[in-house]
Amino acid sequence: MQTDDLANLPLPARLAAMEALWDSLSHDPLHNPSPAWHAEVLAQRRLEMEQAVPWEETKRRLRSLADARQT
């Protein structure tokens, strides 16, 4: 199938072809390894999540600040 053949298909058929192509590429990690920087970004995000202040604590702090401003 050539690019022109795809361009002449109706939109739903082109989207289906794109999905099929993406599925065939994304399910083969041996031939499509993630770049090293992906692991670095994920590690950084995990660290940030571990260091995050829990929501209940955040709400308590905000209420305390709001109360202090009102007095």
Protein backbone atom coordinates (compact mmCIF):
# COMPACT_ATOMS: atom_id res chain seq x y z
CA MET A 1 0.00 0.00 0.00
CA GLN A 2 1.33 3.40 -0.98
CA THR A 3 0.80 6.77 0.68
CA ASP A 4 -1.53 7.83 -2.13
CA ASP A 5 -3.65 4.73 -1.53
CA LEU A 6 -4.05 5.68 2.10
CA ALA A 7 -4.85 9.29 1.29
CA ASN A 8 -7.73 8.14 -0.92
CA LEU A 9 -9.36 6.07 1.82
CA PRO A 10 -12.24 7.53 3.84
CA LEU A 11 -11.22 8.98 7.20
CA PRO A 12 -12.52 6.06 9.31
CA ALA A 13 -10.49 3.61 7.20
CA ARG A 14 -7.36 5.75 7.49
CA LEU A 15 -7.79 5.95 11.26
CA ALA A 16 -8.25 2.18 11.45
CA ALA A 17 -5.09 1.67 9.39
CA MET A 18 -3.19 4.05 11.66
CA GLU A 19 -4.40 2.20 14.75
CA ALA A 20 -3.40 -1.16 13.27
CA LEU A 21 0.05 0.17 12.39
CA TRP A 22 0.52 1.68 15.84
CA ASP A 23 -0.59 -1.55 17.52
CA SER A 24 1.87 -3.57 15.48
CA LEU A 25 4.72 -1.22 16.43
CA SER A 26 3.89 -0.63 20.07
CA HIS A 27 3.56 -4.29 21.07
CA ASP A 28 7.10 -5.21 20.11
CA PRO A 29 9.39 -3.74 22.83
CA LEU A 30 12.41 -5.70 21.60
CA HIS A 31 12.37 -3.80 18.32
CA ASN A 32 11.16 -0.53 19.81
CA PRO A 33 12.95 -0.02 23.11
CA SER A 34 12.26 3.12 25.08
CA PRO A 35 15.11 5.61 25.05
CA ALA A 36 17.18 5.90 28.23
CA TRP A 37 15.76 9.33 29.00
CA HIS A 38 12.29 7.77 29.45
CA ALA A 39 13.58 5.78 32.42
CA GLU A 40 15.20 8.92 33.83
CA VAL A 41 11.96 10.91 33.56
CA LEU A 42 9.95 8.10 35.15
CA ALA A 43 12.42 7.79 38.02
CA GLN A 44 12.26 11.54 38.63
CA ARG A 45 8.46 11.53 38.61
CA ARG A 46 8.34 8.60 41.04
CA LEU A 47 10.67 10.47 43.36
CA GLU A 48 8.50 13.59 43.15
CA MET A 49 5.40 11.53 43.93
CA GLU A 50 7.08 9.97 46.96
CA GLN A 51 8.02 13.41 48.25
CA ALA A 52 4.61 14.94 47.60
CA VAL A 53 2.59 16.24 50.52
CA PRO A 54 -0.61 14.19 50.96
CA TRP A 55 -3.81 15.97 49.94
CA GLU A 56 -5.28 15.97 53.44
CA GLU A 57 -2.13 17.62 54.81
CA THR A 58 -2.18 20.18 51.99
CA LYS A 59 -5.79 21.08 52.76
CA ARG A 60 -4.97 21.41 56.46
CA ARG A 61 -2.08 23.76 55.69
CA LEU A 62 -4.17 25.89 53.34
CA ARG A 63 -6.98 26.18 55.86
CA SER A 64 -4.47 27.16 58.51
CA LEU A 65 -3.04 29.86 56.24
CA ALA A 66 -6.50 31.14 55.39
CA ASP A 67 -7.47 31.24 59.06
CA ALA A 68 -4.28 33.14 59.94
CA ARG A 69 -5.04 35.79 57.32
CA GLN A 70 -8.54 36.32 58.64
CA THR A 71 -7.37 37.09 62.16
